[in-house]
Full PDB file with SEQRES, HELIX, SHEET, SSBOND, CRYST1, ORIGX, SCALE, CONECT and MASTER records, all heavy atoms in Angstrom:
SEQRES   1 A   32  GLU ALA TYR ARG GLY THR ASP ARG VAL VAL VAL PHE SER          
SEQRES   2 A   32  ALA PRO LEU LEU VAL GLU THR GLY MET HIS THR ALA PHE          
SEQRES   3 A   32  ASP VAL LEU VAL VAL VAL                                      
HELIX    1 AA1 MET A   22  ALA A   25  5                                   4    
CRYST1    1.000    1.000    1.000  90.00  90.00  90.00 P 1           1          
ORIGX1      1.000000  0.000000  0.000000        0.00000                         
ORIGX2      0.000000  1.000000  0.000000        0.00000                         
ORIGX3      0.000000  0.000000  1.000000        0.00000                         
SCALE1      1.000000  0.000000  0.000000        0.00000                         
SCALE2      0.000000  1.000000  0.000000        0.00000                         
SCALE3      0.000000  0.000000  1.000000        0.00000                         
ATOM      1  N   GLU A   1       0.809  -1.223   0.035  1.00  0.00           N  
ATOM      2  CA  GLU A   1       0.018   0.005   0.007  1.00  0.00           C  
ATOM      3  C   GLU A   1       0.817   1.246   0.023  1.00  0.00           C  
ATOM      4  O   GLU A   1       0.518   2.255  -0.620  1.00  0.00           O  
ATOM      5  CB  GLU A   1      -0.953   0.026   1.150  1.00  0.00           C  
ATOM      6  CG  GLU A   1      -1.957   1.141   1.200  1.00  0.00           C  
ATOM      7  CD  GLU A   1      -2.812   1.216  -0.053  1.00  0.00           C  
ATOM      8  OE1 GLU A   1      -3.213   0.140  -0.624  1.00  0.00           O  
ATOM      9  OE2 GLU A   1      -3.110   2.279  -0.540  1.00  0.00           O  
ATOM     10  N   ALA A   2       1.980   1.262   0.729  1.00  0.00           N  
ATOM     11  CA  ALA A   2       2.800   2.450   0.791  1.00  0.00           C  
ATOM     12  C   ALA A   2       3.394   2.812  -0.528  1.00  0.00           C  
ATOM     13  O   ALA A   2       3.807   3.953  -0.722  1.00  0.00           O  
ATOM     14  CB  ALA A   2       3.967   2.168   1.783  1.00  0.00           C  
ATOM     15  N   TYR A   3       3.436   1.917  -1.528  1.00  0.00           N  
ATOM     16  CA  TYR A   3       3.997   2.170  -2.795  1.00  0.00           C  
ATOM     17  C   TYR A   3       3.020   2.516  -3.837  1.00  0.00           C  
ATOM     18  O   TYR A   3       3.375   2.916  -4.945  1.00  0.00           O  
ATOM     19  CB  TYR A   3       4.845   0.948  -3.285  1.00  0.00           C  
ATOM     20  CG  TYR A   3       5.927   0.549  -2.267  1.00  0.00           C  
ATOM     21  CD1 TYR A   3       5.712  -0.473  -1.369  1.00  0.00           C  
ATOM     22  CD2 TYR A   3       7.083   1.339  -2.125  1.00  0.00           C  
ATOM     23  CE1 TYR A   3       6.681  -0.806  -0.411  1.00  0.00           C  
ATOM     24  CE2 TYR A   3       8.015   1.026  -1.204  1.00  0.00           C  
ATOM     25  CZ  TYR A   3       7.796  -0.061  -0.327  1.00  0.00           C  
ATOM     26  OH  TYR A   3       8.801  -0.346   0.634  1.00  0.00           O  
ATOM     27  N   ARG A   4       1.722   2.402  -3.542  1.00  0.00           N  
ATOM     28  CA  ARG A   4       0.700   2.805  -4.494  1.00  0.00           C  
ATOM     29  C   ARG A   4       0.746   4.244  -4.899  1.00  0.00           C  
ATOM     30  O   ARG A   4       1.007   5.094  -4.064  1.00  0.00           O  
ATOM     31  CB  ARG A   4      -0.696   2.495  -3.877  1.00  0.00           C  
ATOM     32  CG  ARG A   4      -1.823   2.587  -4.915  1.00  0.00           C  
ATOM     33  CD  ARG A   4      -3.109   2.076  -4.341  1.00  0.00           C  
ATOM     34  NE  ARG A   4      -3.102   0.760  -3.737  1.00  0.00           N  
ATOM     35  CZ  ARG A   4      -3.025  -0.404  -4.433  1.00  0.00           C  
ATOM     36  NH1 ARG A   4      -2.996  -0.376  -5.698  1.00  0.00           N  
ATOM     37  NH2 ARG A   4      -3.069  -1.563  -3.767  1.00  0.00           N  
ATOM     38  N   GLY A   5       0.738   4.497  -6.212  1.00  0.00           N  
ATOM     39  CA  GLY A   5       0.836   5.880  -6.708  1.00  0.00           C  
ATOM     40  C   GLY A   5       2.245   6.438  -6.777  1.00  0.00           C  
ATOM     41  O   GLY A   5       2.409   7.597  -7.013  1.00  0.00           O  
ATOM     42  N   THR A   6       3.217   5.560  -6.522  1.00  0.00           N  
ATOM     43  CA  THR A   6       4.657   6.006  -6.636  1.00  0.00           C  
ATOM     44  C   THR A   6       5.259   5.323  -7.832  1.00  0.00           C  
ATOM     45  O   THR A   6       4.647   4.458  -8.480  1.00  0.00           O  
ATOM     46  CB  THR A   6       5.465   5.600  -5.335  1.00  0.00           C  
ATOM     47  OG1 THR A   6       5.704   4.194  -5.321  1.00  0.00           O  
ATOM     48  CG2 THR A   6       4.746   5.968  -4.081  1.00  0.00           C  
ATOM     49  N   ASP A   7       6.524   5.684  -8.119  1.00  0.00           N  
ATOM     50  CA  ASP A   7       7.266   5.010  -9.211  1.00  0.00           C  
ATOM     51  C   ASP A   7       8.056   3.847  -8.726  1.00  0.00           C  
ATOM     52  O   ASP A   7       8.881   3.322  -9.457  1.00  0.00           O  
ATOM     53  CB  ASP A   7       8.063   6.044  -9.968  1.00  0.00           C  
ATOM     54  CG  ASP A   7       9.216   6.613  -9.153  1.00  0.00           C  
ATOM     55  OD1 ASP A   7       9.199   6.413  -7.884  1.00  0.00           O  
ATOM     56  OD2 ASP A   7      10.037   7.349  -9.709  1.00  0.00           O  
ATOM     57  N   ARG A   8       7.878   3.469  -7.525  1.00  0.00           N  
ATOM     58  CA  ARG A   8       8.640   2.319  -6.884  1.00  0.00           C  
ATOM     59  C   ARG A   8       8.095   0.998  -7.513  1.00  0.00           C  
ATOM     60  O   ARG A   8       6.891   0.834  -7.777  1.00  0.00           O  
ATOM     61  CB  ARG A   8       8.468   2.292  -5.416  1.00  0.00           C  
ATOM     62  CG  ARG A   8       8.979   3.543  -4.686  1.00  0.00           C  
ATOM     63  CD  ARG A   8      10.418   3.818  -4.912  1.00  0.00           C  
ATOM     64  NE  ARG A   8      11.222   2.714  -4.428  1.00  0.00           N  
ATOM     65  CZ  ARG A   8      12.108   2.754  -3.467  1.00  0.00           C  
ATOM     66  NH1 ARG A   8      12.325   3.897  -2.808  1.00  0.00           N  
ATOM     67  NH2 ARG A   8      12.760   1.710  -3.156  1.00  0.00           N  
ATOM     68  N   VAL A   9       8.965   0.078  -7.694  1.00  0.00           N  
ATOM     69  CA  VAL A   9       8.690  -1.220  -8.182  1.00  0.00           C  
ATOM     70  C   VAL A   9       8.511  -2.250  -7.041  1.00  0.00           C  
ATOM     71  O   VAL A   9       9.384  -2.264  -6.127  1.00  0.00           O  
ATOM     72  CB  VAL A   9       9.769  -1.773  -9.141  1.00  0.00           C  
ATOM     73  CG1 VAL A   9       9.480  -3.192  -9.520  1.00  0.00           C  
ATOM     74  CG2 VAL A   9       9.901  -0.864 -10.346  1.00  0.00           C  
ATOM     75  N   VAL A  10       7.470  -2.911  -6.999  1.00  0.00           N  
ATOM     76  CA  VAL A  10       7.196  -3.976  -5.974  1.00  0.00           C  
ATOM     77  C   VAL A  10       7.228  -5.326  -6.709  1.00  0.00           C  
ATOM     78  O   VAL A  10       6.537  -5.519  -7.628  1.00  0.00           O  
ATOM     79  CB  VAL A  10       5.797  -3.781  -5.298  1.00  0.00           C  
ATOM     80  CG1 VAL A  10       5.572  -4.933  -4.391  1.00  0.00           C  
ATOM     81  CG2 VAL A  10       5.771  -2.439  -4.606  1.00  0.00           C  
ATOM     82  N   VAL A  11       8.128  -6.166  -6.255  1.00  0.00           N  
ATOM     83  CA  VAL A  11       8.306  -7.475  -6.838  1.00  0.00           C  
ATOM     84  C   VAL A  11       7.688  -8.467  -5.803  1.00  0.00           C  
ATOM     85  O   VAL A  11       8.037  -8.426  -4.646  1.00  0.00           O  
ATOM     86  CB  VAL A  11       9.747  -7.890  -7.090  1.00  0.00           C  
ATOM     87  CG1 VAL A  11       9.904  -9.274  -7.626  1.00  0.00           C  
ATOM     88  CG2 VAL A  11      10.346  -6.905  -8.139  1.00  0.00           C  
ATOM     89  N   PHE A  12       6.827  -9.343  -6.291  1.00  0.00           N  
ATOM     90  CA  PHE A  12       6.146 -10.310  -5.458  1.00  0.00           C  
ATOM     91  C   PHE A  12       6.333 -11.642  -6.029  1.00  0.00           C  
ATOM     92  O   PHE A  12       5.921 -11.948  -7.154  1.00  0.00           O  
ATOM     93  CB  PHE A  12       4.663  -9.929  -5.312  1.00  0.00           C  
ATOM     94  CG  PHE A  12       3.878 -10.771  -4.314  1.00  0.00           C  
ATOM     95  CD1 PHE A  12       4.059 -10.629  -2.988  1.00  0.00           C  
ATOM     96  CD2 PHE A  12       2.965 -11.640  -4.807  1.00  0.00           C  
ATOM     97  CE1 PHE A  12       3.312 -11.384  -2.097  1.00  0.00           C  
ATOM     98  CE2 PHE A  12       2.241 -12.422  -3.901  1.00  0.00           C  
ATOM     99  CZ  PHE A  12       2.422 -12.295  -2.511  1.00  0.00           C  
ATOM    100  N   SER A  13       6.954 -12.514  -5.284  1.00  0.00           N  
ATOM    101  CA  SER A  13       7.219 -13.901  -5.743  1.00  0.00           C  
ATOM    102  C   SER A  13       6.379 -14.824  -4.890  1.00  0.00           C  
ATOM    103  O   SER A  13       6.587 -14.856  -3.639  1.00  0.00           O  
ATOM    104  CB  SER A  13       8.729 -14.236  -5.650  1.00  0.00           C  
ATOM    105  OG  SER A  13       8.949 -15.577  -5.991  1.00  0.00           O  
ATOM    106  N   ALA A  14       5.536 -15.613  -5.481  1.00  0.00           N  
ATOM    107  CA  ALA A  14       4.722 -16.492  -4.663  1.00  0.00           C  
ATOM    108  C   ALA A  14       4.283 -17.705  -5.553  1.00  0.00           C  
ATOM    109  O   ALA A  14       3.949 -17.571  -6.722  1.00  0.00           O  
ATOM    110  CB  ALA A  14       3.441 -15.754  -4.234  1.00  0.00           C  
ATOM    111  N   PRO A  15       4.354 -18.850  -4.907  1.00  0.00           N  
ATOM    112  CA  PRO A  15       3.826 -20.095  -5.597  1.00  0.00           C  
ATOM    113  C   PRO A  15       2.330 -19.943  -5.646  1.00  0.00           C  
ATOM    114  O   PRO A  15       1.694 -19.291  -4.834  1.00  0.00           O  
ATOM    115  CB  PRO A  15       4.208 -21.249  -4.700  1.00  0.00           C  
ATOM    116  CG  PRO A  15       4.504 -20.610  -3.316  1.00  0.00           C  
ATOM    117  CD  PRO A  15       4.916 -19.203  -3.589  1.00  0.00           C  
ATOM    118  N   LEU A  16       1.708 -20.576  -6.678  1.00  0.00           N  
ATOM    119  CA  LEU A  16       0.269 -20.590  -6.852  1.00  0.00           C  
ATOM    120  C   LEU A  16      -0.375 -19.237  -7.134  1.00  0.00           C  
ATOM    121  O   LEU A  16      -1.545 -19.040  -6.904  1.00  0.00           O  
ATOM    122  CB  LEU A  16      -0.433 -21.271  -5.655  1.00  0.00           C  
ATOM    123  CG  LEU A  16       0.156 -22.634  -5.269  1.00  0.00           C  
ATOM    124  CD1 LEU A  16      -0.643 -23.228  -4.042  1.00  0.00           C  
ATOM    125  CD2 LEU A  16       0.025 -23.590  -6.460  1.00  0.00           C  
ATOM    126  N   LEU A  17       0.431 -18.290  -7.587  1.00  0.00           N  
ATOM    127  CA  LEU A  17      -0.056 -16.933  -7.876  1.00  0.00           C  
ATOM    128  C   LEU A  17      -1.169 -17.011  -8.979  1.00  0.00           C  
ATOM    129  O   LEU A  17      -2.218 -16.456  -8.835  1.00  0.00           O  
ATOM    130  CB  LEU A  17       1.081 -16.049  -8.304  1.00  0.00           C  
ATOM    131  CG  LEU A  17       0.848 -14.541  -8.361  1.00  0.00           C  
ATOM    132  CD1 LEU A  17       0.583 -14.024  -6.993  1.00  0.00           C  
ATOM    133  CD2 LEU A  17       2.033 -13.846  -8.963  1.00  0.00           C  
ATOM    134  N   VAL A  18      -0.882 -17.727 -10.044  1.00  0.00           N  
ATOM    135  CA  VAL A  18      -1.873 -17.854 -11.135  1.00  0.00           C  
ATOM    136  C   VAL A  18      -3.063 -18.820 -10.654  1.00  0.00           C  
ATOM    137  O   VAL A  18      -4.193 -18.466 -10.932  1.00  0.00           O  
ATOM    138  CB  VAL A  18      -1.216 -18.486 -12.390  1.00  0.00           C  
ATOM    139  CG1 VAL A  18      -2.257 -18.817 -13.448  1.00  0.00           C  
ATOM    140  CG2 VAL A  18      -0.157 -17.481 -12.928  1.00  0.00           C  
ATOM    141  N   GLU A  19      -2.766 -19.856  -9.999  1.00  0.00           N  
ATOM    142  CA  GLU A  19      -3.777 -20.777  -9.576  1.00  0.00           C  
ATOM    143  C   GLU A  19      -4.817 -20.116  -8.686  1.00  0.00           C  
ATOM    144  O   GLU A  19      -5.960 -20.546  -8.739  1.00  0.00           O  
ATOM    145  CB  GLU A  19      -3.088 -21.994  -8.855  1.00  0.00           C  
ATOM    146  CG  GLU A  19      -2.241 -22.854  -9.749  1.00  0.00           C  
ATOM    147  CD  GLU A  19      -0.824 -22.333  -9.876  1.00  0.00           C  
ATOM    148  OE1 GLU A  19      -0.523 -21.149  -9.573  1.00  0.00           O  
ATOM    149  OE2 GLU A  19       0.063 -23.106 -10.338  1.00  0.00           O  
ATOM    150  N   THR A  20      -4.412 -19.176  -7.826  1.00  0.00           N  
ATOM    151  CA  THR A  20      -5.355 -18.524  -6.941  1.00  0.00           C  
ATOM    152  C   THR A  20      -6.039 -17.318  -7.601  1.00  0.00           C  
ATOM    153  O   THR A  20      -6.897 -16.704  -7.003  1.00  0.00           O  
ATOM    154  CB  THR A  20      -4.621 -18.003  -5.687  1.00  0.00           C  
ATOM    155  OG1 THR A  20      -3.629 -17.064  -6.066  1.00  0.00           O  
ATOM    156  CG2 THR A  20      -3.989 -19.177  -4.929  1.00  0.00           C  
ATOM    157  N   GLY A  21      -5.617 -16.953  -8.786  1.00  0.00           N  
ATOM    158  CA  GLY A  21      -6.169 -15.772  -9.411  1.00  0.00           C  
ATOM    159  C   GLY A  21      -5.600 -14.509  -8.968  1.00  0.00           C  
ATOM    160  O   GLY A  21      -5.956 -13.418  -9.419  1.00  0.00           O  
ATOM    161  N   MET A  22      -4.636 -14.535  -8.034  1.00  0.00           N  
ATOM    162  CA  MET A  22      -4.067 -13.319  -7.494  1.00  0.00           C  
ATOM    163  C   MET A  22      -3.243 -12.590  -8.546  1.00  0.00           C  
ATOM    164  O   MET A  22      -2.954 -11.357  -8.422  1.00  0.00           O  
ATOM    165  CB  MET A  22      -3.204 -13.682  -6.312  1.00  0.00           C  
ATOM    166  CG  MET A  22      -2.826 -12.442  -5.424  1.00  0.00           C  
ATOM    167  SD  MET A  22      -2.048 -12.984  -3.923  1.00  0.00           S  
ATOM    168  CE  MET A  22      -1.325 -11.449  -3.457  1.00  0.00           C  
ATOM    169  N   HIS A  23      -2.806 -13.257  -9.623  1.00  0.00           N  
ATOM    170  CA  HIS A  23      -1.938 -12.586 -10.623  1.00  0.00           C  
ATOM    171  C   HIS A  23      -2.706 -11.410 -11.296  1.00  0.00           C  
ATOM    172  O   HIS A  23      -2.044 -10.508 -11.801  1.00  0.00           O  
ATOM    173  CB  HIS A  23      -1.571 -13.618 -11.712  1.00  0.00           C  
ATOM    174  CG  HIS A  23      -2.660 -14.053 -12.548  1.00  0.00           C  
ATOM    175  ND1 HIS A  23      -3.601 -14.973 -12.081  1.00  0.00           N  
ATOM    176  CD2 HIS A  23      -3.040 -13.791 -13.824  1.00  0.00           C  
ATOM    177  CE1 HIS A  23      -4.559 -15.204 -13.023  1.00  0.00           C  
ATOM    178  NE2 HIS A  23      -4.164 -14.526 -14.101  1.00  0.00           N  
ATOM    179  N   THR A  24      -4.012 -11.410 -11.158  1.00  0.00           N  
ATOM    180  CA  THR A  24      -4.773 -10.300 -11.750  1.00  0.00           C  
ATOM    181  C   THR A  24      -4.590  -8.993 -11.054  1.00  0.00           C  
ATOM    182  O   THR A  24      -5.026  -7.964 -11.524  1.00  0.00           O  
ATOM    183  CB  THR A  24      -6.260 -10.604 -11.901  1.00  0.00           C  
ATOM    184  OG1 THR A  24      -6.781 -10.878 -10.558  1.00  0.00           O  
ATOM    185  CG2 THR A  24      -6.453 -11.857 -12.785  1.00  0.00           C  
ATOM    186  N   ALA A  25      -4.045  -9.068  -9.822  1.00  0.00           N  
ATOM    187  CA  ALA A  25      -3.841  -7.838  -9.051  1.00  0.00           C  
ATOM    188  C   ALA A  25      -2.551  -7.067  -9.415  1.00  0.00           C  
ATOM    189  O   ALA A  25      -2.270  -6.046  -8.819  1.00  0.00           O  
ATOM    190  CB  ALA A  25      -3.734  -8.227  -7.578  1.00  0.00           C  
ATOM    191  N   PHE A  26      -1.761  -7.595 -10.340  1.00  0.00           N  
ATOM    192  CA  PHE A  26      -0.477  -7.012 -10.658  1.00  0.00           C  
ATOM    193  C   PHE A  26      -0.536  -6.420 -12.116  1.00  0.00           C  
ATOM    194  O   PHE A  26      -1.226  -6.901 -13.008  1.00  0.00           O  
ATOM    195  CB  PHE A  26       0.581  -8.135 -10.619  1.00  0.00           C  
ATOM    196  CG  PHE A  26       0.703  -8.656  -9.241  1.00  0.00           C  
ATOM    197  CD1 PHE A  26       0.011  -9.743  -8.817  1.00  0.00           C  
ATOM    198  CD2 PHE A  26       1.580  -8.076  -8.344  1.00  0.00           C  
ATOM    199  CE1 PHE A  26       0.110 -10.264  -7.534  1.00  0.00           C  
ATOM    200  CE2 PHE A  26       1.705  -8.581  -7.068  1.00  0.00           C  
ATOM    201  CZ  PHE A  26       1.003  -9.686  -6.657  1.00  0.00           C  
ATOM    202  N   ASP A  27       0.309  -5.373 -12.282  1.00  0.00           N  
ATOM    203  CA  ASP A  27       0.407  -4.765 -13.558  1.00  0.00           C  
ATOM    204  C   ASP A  27       1.151  -5.648 -14.609  1.00  0.00           C  
ATOM    205  O   ASP A  27       0.847  -5.632 -15.795  1.00  0.00           O  
ATOM    206  CB  ASP A  27       1.161  -3.452 -13.453  1.00  0.00           C  
ATOM    207  CG  ASP A  27       0.419  -2.431 -12.619  1.00  0.00           C  
ATOM    208  OD1 ASP A  27      -0.822  -2.435 -12.685  1.00  0.00           O  
ATOM    209  OD2 ASP A  27       1.045  -1.655 -11.919  1.00  0.00           O  
ATOM    210  N   VAL A  28       2.125  -6.487 -14.101  1.00  0.00           N  
ATOM    211  CA  VAL A  28       2.904  -7.276 -14.937  1.00  0.00           C  
ATOM    212  C   VAL A  28       3.099  -8.624 -14.307  1.00  0.00           C  
ATOM    213  O   VAL A  28       3.429  -8.700 -13.052  1.00  0.00           O  
ATOM    214  CB  VAL A  28       4.338  -6.607 -15.215  1.00  0.00           C  
ATOM    215  CG1 VAL A  28       5.184  -7.583 -16.084  1.00  0.00           C  
ATOM    216  CG2 VAL A  28       4.198  -5.316 -15.895  1.00  0.00           C  
ATOM    217  N   LEU A  29       2.983  -9.682 -15.053  1.00  0.00           N  
ATOM    218  CA  LEU A  29       3.203 -11.062 -14.565  1.00  0.00           C  
ATOM    219  C   LEU A  29       4.392 -11.624 -15.301  1.00  0.00           C  
ATOM    220  O   LEU A  29       4.341 -11.738 -16.511  1.00  0.00           O  
ATOM    221  CB  LEU A  29       1.958 -11.903 -14.713  1.00  0.00           C  
ATOM    222  CG  LEU A  29       2.167 -13.372 -14.291  1.00  0.00           C  
ATOM    223  CD1 LEU A  29       2.441 -13.520 -12.802  1.00  0.00           C  
ATOM    224  CD2 LEU A  29       0.903 -14.208 -14.724  1.00  0.00           C  
ATOM    225  N   VAL A  30       5.441 -11.999 -14.580  1.00  0.00           N  
ATOM    226  CA  VAL A  30       6.556 -12.643 -15.125  1.00  0.00           C  
ATOM    227  C   VAL A  30       6.591 -14.110 -14.627  1.00  0.00           C  
ATOM    228  O   VAL A  30       6.439 -14.362 -13.445  1.00  0.00           O  
ATOM    229  CB  VAL A  30       7.885 -12.046 -14.608  1.00  0.00           C  
ATOM    230  CG1 VAL A  30       9.107 -12.740 -15.178  1.00  0.00           C  
ATOM    231  CG2 VAL A  30       7.915 -10.539 -15.057  1.00  0.00           C  
ATOM    232  N   VAL A  31       6.626 -15.044 -15.564  1.00  0.00           N  
ATOM    233  CA  VAL A  31       6.668 -16.467 -15.227  1.00  0.00           C  
ATOM    234  C   VAL A  31       8.064 -16.978 -15.618  1.00  0.00           C  
ATOM    235  O   VAL A  31       8.528 -16.728 -16.698  1.00  0.00           O  
ATOM    236  CB  VAL A  31       5.563 -17.265 -16.007  1.00  0.00           C  
ATOM    237  CG1 VAL A  31       5.738 -18.750 -15.857  1.00  0.00           C  
ATOM    238  CG2 VAL A  31       4.182 -16.878 -15.551  1.00  0.00           C  
ATOM    239  N   VAL A  32       8.679 -17.677 -14.700  1.00  0.00           N  
ATOM    240  CA  VAL A  32       9.958 -18.248 -14.861  1.00  0.00           C  
ATOM    241  C   VAL A  32       9.763 -19.689 -15.166  1.00  0.00           C  
ATOM    242  O   VAL A  32       9.085 -20.406 -14.345  1.00  0.00           O  
ATOM    243  CB  VAL A  32      10.892 -18.059 -13.665  1.00  0.00           C  
ATOM    244  CG1 VAL A  32      12.290 -18.684 -13.899  1.00  0.00           C  
ATOM    245  CG2 VAL A  32      11.045 -16.508 -13.331  1.00  0.00           C  
TER     246      VAL A  32                                                      
MASTER        0    0    0    1    0    0    0    6  245    1    0    3          
END                                                                             
């Protein structure tokens, strides 16, 4: 929340991100 509206990059790495549908909360999804 503290980074919302800033130019800061937030990286979030989590298993099951796509499976839970949480990936839709992000501007960019990177899959390795």
